[in-house]
Amino acid sequence: MRRRSKLMVFAATGLLALMGTGSAHAADGKQLATDSVGPSGSPTWYCSYGSANAQACFAPSGEWFRIRDTWADSYPVVIEWRFFDLEVSPVGAIVREGTIWNTAGQAAGWRYMNKSFPEDVGNTKDVVFRACSGSYPSDAIFEASCSDWISVAP
């Protein structure tokens, strides 16, 4: 019985450790946007311009991204995003970052990805993003295809 108790404690500790590493960072890095339906209602979108290949937008209410391919060239498109939080990193370092890819092609239209960022308190948080094209398998972004960076407070 004692051995079984130790095993249960070990398993529970491992599960808690996995849960603790979790949700905020698990949603970062490379992701694939496959949802063709975004948020309900009519959120305010802030959108990128200047890329002939892609358009990306961010809605602070609900922390939604959307991206569409604007040129049928067989290259997927990507949102490159970064999150800054001066409460966590007073020197303005990147706190979280990642990419959101749309590999569905121009005819597919918008693809959506819901994120979770802390709400803005005292203008200390910013999400910056841009739209580019690239190579999904290698996670390579074609710099010459990128829009300007857009900055939005969530």
C-alpha atoms as a PDB file:
ATOM      1  CA  MET A   1       0.000   0.000   0.000  1.00  0.00           C
ATOM      2  CA  ARG A   2       2.832   2.372   0.824  1.00  0.00           C
ATOM      3  CA  ARG A   3       4.436   1.847  -2.580  1.00  0.00           C
ATOM      4  CA  ARG A   4       1.147   2.658  -4.304  1.00  0.00           C
ATOM      5  CA  SER A   5       0.815   5.906  -2.296  1.00  0.00           C
ATOM      6  CA  LYS A   6       4.283   7.005  -3.353  1.00  0.00           C
ATOM      7  CA  LEU A   7       3.423   6.232  -6.962  1.00  0.00           C
ATOM      8  CA  MET A   8       0.225   8.292  -6.736  1.00  0.00           C
ATOM      9  CA  VAL A   9       2.096  11.247  -5.197  1.00  0.00           C
ATOM     10  CA  PHE A  10       4.744  11.010  -7.923  1.00  0.00           C
ATOM     11  CA  ALA A  11       2.104  10.911 -10.672  1.00  0.00           C
ATOM     12  CA  ALA A  12       0.177  13.833  -9.169  1.00  0.00           C
ATOM     13  CA  THR A  13       3.371  15.885  -8.818  1.00  0.00           C
ATOM     14  CA  GLY A  14       4.258  15.210 -12.450  1.00  0.00           C
ATOM     15  CA  LEU A  15       0.772  16.201 -13.594  1.00  0.00           C
ATOM     16  CA  LEU A  16       0.918  19.446 -11.605  1.00  0.00           C
ATOM     17  CA  ALA A  17       4.329  20.230 -13.060  1.00  0.00           C
ATOM     18  CA  LEU A  18       3.004  19.732 -16.568  1.00  0.00           C
ATOM     19  CA  MET A  19      -0.007  21.911 -15.848  1.00  0.00           C
ATOM     20  CA  GLY A  20       2.213  24.630 -14.391  1.00  0.00           C
ATOM     21  CA  THR A  21       4.323  24.917 -17.529  1.00  0.00           C
ATOM     22  CA  GLY A  22       1.259  25.427 -19.416  1.00  0.00           C
ATOM     23  CA  SER A  23      -1.228  27.568 -20.976  1.00  0.00           C
ATOM     24  CA  ALA A  24       0.543  30.869 -21.564  1.00  0.00           C
ATOM     25  CA  HIS A  25       3.668  29.419 -23.109  1.00  0.00           C
ATOM     26  CA  ALA A  26       2.009  26.419 -24.745  1.00  0.00           C
ATOM     27  CA  ALA A  27       0.115  28.866 -26.974  1.00  0.00           C
ATOM     28  CA  ASP A  28       3.324  30.532 -28.179  1.00  0.00           C
ATOM     29  CA  GLY A  29       5.775  29.492 -30.861  1.00  0.00           C
ATOM     30  CA  LYS A  30       4.629  28.145 -34.221  1.00  0.00           C
ATOM     31  CA  GLN A  31       0.882  27.635 -34.693  1.00  0.00           C
ATOM     32  CA  LEU A  32      -1.356  26.845 -37.657  1.00  0.00           C
ATOM     33  CA  ALA A  33      -4.570  28.862 -38.035  1.00  0.00           C
ATOM     34  CA  THR A  34      -7.249  26.522 -39.352  1.00  0.00           C
ATOM     35  CA  ASP A  35     -10.444  28.151 -38.029  1.00  0.00           C
ATOM     36  CA  SER A  36     -12.511  29.829 -40.740  1.00  0.00           C
ATOM     37  CA  VAL A  37     -14.807  31.368 -38.105  1.00  0.00           C
ATOM     38  CA  GLY A  38     -13.604  34.115 -35.787  1.00  0.00           C
ATOM     39  CA  PRO A  39     -15.056  35.969 -32.825  1.00  0.00           C
ATOM     40  CA  SER A  40     -18.741  36.682 -32.482  1.00  0.00           C
ATOM     41  CA  GLY A  41     -20.011  40.240 -32.660  1.00  0.00           C
ATOM     42  CA  SER A  42     -18.160  43.026 -34.399  1.00  0.00           C
ATOM     43  CA  PRO A  43     -14.795  43.565 -32.735  1.00  0.00           C
ATOM     44  CA  THR A  44     -12.500  46.417 -33.737  1.00  0.00           C
ATOM     45  CA  TRP A  45      -9.705  45.067 -35.918  1.00  0.00           C
ATOM     46  CA  TYR A  46      -6.267  46.678 -36.321  1.00  0.00           C
ATOM     47  CA  CYS A  47      -4.763  45.529 -39.617  1.00  0.00           C
ATOM     48  CA  SER A  48      -1.414  45.436 -41.372  1.00  0.00           C
ATOM     49  CA  TYR A  49      -0.823  47.076 -44.721  1.00  0.00           C
ATOM     50  CA  GLY A  50       2.119  47.147 -47.062  1.00  0.00           C
ATOM     51  CA  SER A  51       2.517  43.453 -47.858  1.00  0.00           C
ATOM     52  CA  ALA A  52       1.456  42.344 -51.326  1.00  0.00           C
ATOM     53  CA  ASN A  53       1.240  38.765 -50.056  1.00  0.00           C
ATOM     54  CA  ALA A  54      -0.791  38.826 -46.849  1.00  0.00           C
ATOM     55  CA  GLN A  55      -2.991  40.841 -44.538  1.00  0.00           C
ATOM     56  CA  ALA A  56      -3.096  40.282 -40.785  1.00  0.00           C
ATOM     57  CA  CYS A  57      -5.354  41.817 -38.163  1.00  0.00           C
ATOM     58  CA  PHE A  58      -5.629  41.830 -34.359  1.00  0.00           C
ATOM     59  CA  ALA A  59      -8.745  42.447 -32.253  1.00  0.00           C
ATOM     60  CA  PRO A  60      -7.794  43.413 -28.681  1.00  0.00           C
ATOM     61  CA  SER A  61     -11.237  42.487 -27.365  1.00  0.00           C
ATOM     62  CA  GLY A  62     -10.846  38.747 -26.947  1.00  0.00           C
ATOM     63  CA  GLU A  63      -7.269  38.755 -28.299  1.00  0.00           C
ATOM     64  CA  TRP A  64      -8.052  37.411 -31.791  1.00  0.00           C
ATOM     65  CA  PHE A  65      -5.727  37.318 -34.777  1.00  0.00           C
ATOM     66  CA  ARG A  66      -6.821  36.771 -38.361  1.00  0.00           C
ATOM     67  CA  ILE A  67      -4.757  36.336 -41.518  1.00  0.00           C
ATOM     68  CA  ARG A  68      -5.494  35.942 -45.205  1.00  0.00           C
ATOM     69  CA  ASP A  69      -3.392  35.202 -48.237  1.00  0.00           C
ATOM     70  CA  THR A  70      -3.746  38.023 -50.768  1.00  0.00           C
ATOM     71  CA  TRP A  71      -1.667  36.578 -53.588  1.00  0.00           C
ATOM     72  CA  ALA A  72      -2.011  33.128 -55.186  1.00  0.00           C
ATOM     73  CA  ASP A  73       1.703  32.358 -55.354  1.00  0.00           C
ATOM     74  CA  SER A  74       1.732  28.936 -53.597  1.00  0.00           C
ATOM     75  CA  TYR A  75       3.522  30.329 -50.523  1.00  0.00           C
ATOM     76  CA  PRO A  76       1.749  30.253 -47.166  1.00  0.00           C
ATOM     77  CA  VAL A  77       1.334  33.437 -45.152  1.00  0.00           C
ATOM     78  CA  VAL A  78       2.196  34.128 -41.538  1.00  0.00           C
ATOM     79  CA  ILE A  79       1.613  36.538 -38.682  1.00  0.00           C
ATOM     80  CA  GLU A  80       4.741  37.208 -36.684  1.00  0.00           C
ATOM     81  CA  TRP A  81       3.672  38.541 -33.262  1.00  0.00           C
ATOM     82  CA  ARG A  82       5.309  39.693 -30.037  1.00  0.00           C
ATOM     83  CA  PHE A  83       3.875  40.567 -26.635  1.00  0.00           C
ATOM     84  CA  PHE A  84       5.482  43.162 -24.342  1.00  0.00           C
ATOM     85  CA  ASP A  85       4.520  43.696 -20.698  1.00  0.00           C
ATOM     86  CA  LEU A  86       6.398  46.410 -18.783  1.00  0.00           C
ATOM     87  CA  GLU A  87       5.086  45.003 -15.489  1.00  0.00           C
ATOM     88  CA  VAL A  88       6.916  41.723 -16.204  1.00  0.00           C
ATOM     89  CA  SER A  89       9.914  43.129 -18.059  1.00  0.00           C
ATOM     90  CA  PRO A  90      10.507  46.825 -17.228  1.00  0.00           C
ATOM     91  CA  VAL A  91      13.283  47.067 -19.835  1.00  0.00           C
ATOM     92  CA  GLY A  92      10.782  46.365 -22.623  1.00  0.00           C
ATOM     93  CA  ALA A  93      12.006  42.885 -23.525  1.00  0.00           C
ATOM     94  CA  ILE A  94       9.727  40.505 -25.423  1.00  0.00           C
ATOM     95  CA  VAL A  95       7.681  38.495 -22.909  1.00  0.00           C
ATOM     96  CA  ARG A  96       5.989  36.155 -25.418  1.00  0.00           C
ATOM     97  CA  GLU A  97       6.241  35.665 -29.169  1.00  0.00           C
ATOM     98  CA  GLY A  98       5.225  33.360 -31.971  1.00  0.00           C
ATOM     99  CA  THR A  99       3.997  32.808 -35.500  1.00  0.00           C
ATOM    100  CA  ILE A 100       0.522  32.014 -36.798  1.00  0.00           C
ATOM    101  CA  TRP A 101       0.509  30.367 -40.234  1.00  0.00           C
ATOM    102  CA  ASN A 102      -2.239  30.169 -42.860  1.00  0.00           C
ATOM    103  CA  THR A 103      -1.452  27.428 -45.383  1.00  0.00           C
ATOM    104  CA  ALA A 104      -4.962  27.263 -46.892  1.00  0.00           C
ATOM    105  CA  GLY A 105      -4.240  29.565 -49.855  1.00  0.00           C
ATOM    106  CA  GLN A 106      -5.791  32.711 -51.260  1.00  0.00           C
ATOM    107  CA  ALA A 107      -9.200  31.188 -52.078  1.00  0.00           C
ATOM    108  CA  ALA A 108      -9.733  30.124 -48.456  1.00  0.00           C
ATOM    109  CA  GLY A 109     -10.054  33.687 -47.138  1.00  0.00           C
ATOM    110  CA  TRP A 110      -9.476  34.576 -43.495  1.00  0.00           C
ATOM    111  CA  ARG A 111      -8.135  32.096 -40.924  1.00  0.00           C
ATOM    112  CA  TYR A 112      -8.469  32.902 -37.199  1.00  0.00           C
ATOM    113  CA  MET A 113      -6.515  32.203 -34.016  1.00  0.00           C
ATOM    114  CA  ASN A 114      -7.607  33.114 -30.498  1.00  0.00           C
ATOM    115  CA  LYS A 115      -4.839  34.025 -28.040  1.00  0.00           C
ATOM    116  CA  SER A 116      -4.842  35.040 -24.399  1.00  0.00           C
ATOM    117  CA  PHE A 117      -2.934  38.096 -23.199  1.00  0.00           C
ATOM    118  CA  PRO A 118      -3.306  39.950 -19.886  1.00  0.00           C
ATOM    119  CA  GLU A 119      -5.603  42.956 -20.144  1.00  0.00           C
ATOM    120  CA  ASP A 120      -3.998  46.387 -20.286  1.00  0.00           C
ATOM    121  CA  VAL A 121      -3.545  48.097 -16.930  1.00  0.00           C
ATOM    122  CA  GLY A 122      -2.010  51.557 -17.129  1.00  0.00           C
ATOM    123  CA  ASN A 123      -0.797  51.203 -20.736  1.00  0.00           C
ATOM    124  CA  THR A 124       1.966  48.766 -19.833  1.00  0.00           C
ATOM    125  CA  LYS A 125       1.171  46.048 -22.397  1.00  0.00           C
ATOM    126  CA  ASP A 126       1.529  45.928 -26.186  1.00  0.00           C
ATOM    127  CA  VAL A 127       1.026  43.374 -28.942  1.00  0.00           C
ATOM    128  CA  VAL A 128       3.002  44.013 -32.121  1.00  0.00           C
ATOM    129  CA  PHE A 129       2.520  42.017 -35.293  1.00  0.00           C
ATOM    130  CA  ARG A 130       3.139  41.957 -39.013  1.00  0.00           C
ATOM    131  CA  ALA A 131       2.067  39.893 -42.039  1.00  0.00           C
ATOM    132  CA  CYS A 132       4.528  38.038 -44.253  1.00  0.00           C
ATOM    133  CA  SER A 133       4.822  35.049 -46.538  1.00  0.00           C
ATOM    134  CA  GLY A 134       7.245  32.230 -46.011  1.00  0.00           C
ATOM    135  CA  SER A 135       7.932  28.518 -45.868  1.00  0.00           C
ATOM    136  CA  TYR A 136       5.773  26.690 -43.325  1.00  0.00           C
ATOM    137  CA  PRO A 137       7.840  23.461 -43.150  1.00  0.00           C
ATOM    138  CA  SER A 138      11.049  25.339 -42.312  1.00  0.00           C
ATOM    139  CA  ASP A 139       9.339  28.182 -40.391  1.00  0.00           C
ATOM    140  CA  ALA A 140      11.244  30.640 -42.594  1.00  0.00           C
ATOM    141  CA  ILE A 141       9.825  34.125 -43.049  1.00  0.00           C
ATOM    142  CA  PHE A 142      10.540  35.984 -46.291  1.00  0.00           C
ATOM    143  CA  GLU A 143      11.557  39.393 -44.894  1.00  0.00           C
ATOM    144  CA  ALA A 144      11.076  41.233 -48.201  1.00  0.00           C
ATOM    145  CA  SER A 145       7.381  40.217 -48.173  1.00  0.00           C
ATOM    146  CA  CYS A 146       6.577  41.597 -44.716  1.00  0.00           C
ATOM    147  CA  SER A 147       4.302  44.476 -43.840  1.00  0.00           C
ATOM    148  CA  ASP A 148       5.260  47.134 -41.331  1.00  0.00           C
ATOM    149  CA  TRP A 149       4.909  46.236 -37.659  1.00  0.00           C
ATOM    150  CA  ILE A 150       1.591  47.276 -36.078  1.00  0.00           C
ATOM    151  CA  SER A 151       1.383  48.014 -32.328  1.00  0.00           C
ATOM    152  CA  VAL A 152      -1.847  47.565 -30.350  1.00  0.00           C
ATOM    153  CA  ALA A 153      -2.574  47.596 -26.599  1.00  0.00           C
ATOM    154  CA  PRO A 154      -4.773  44.636 -25.598  1.00  0.00           C
END
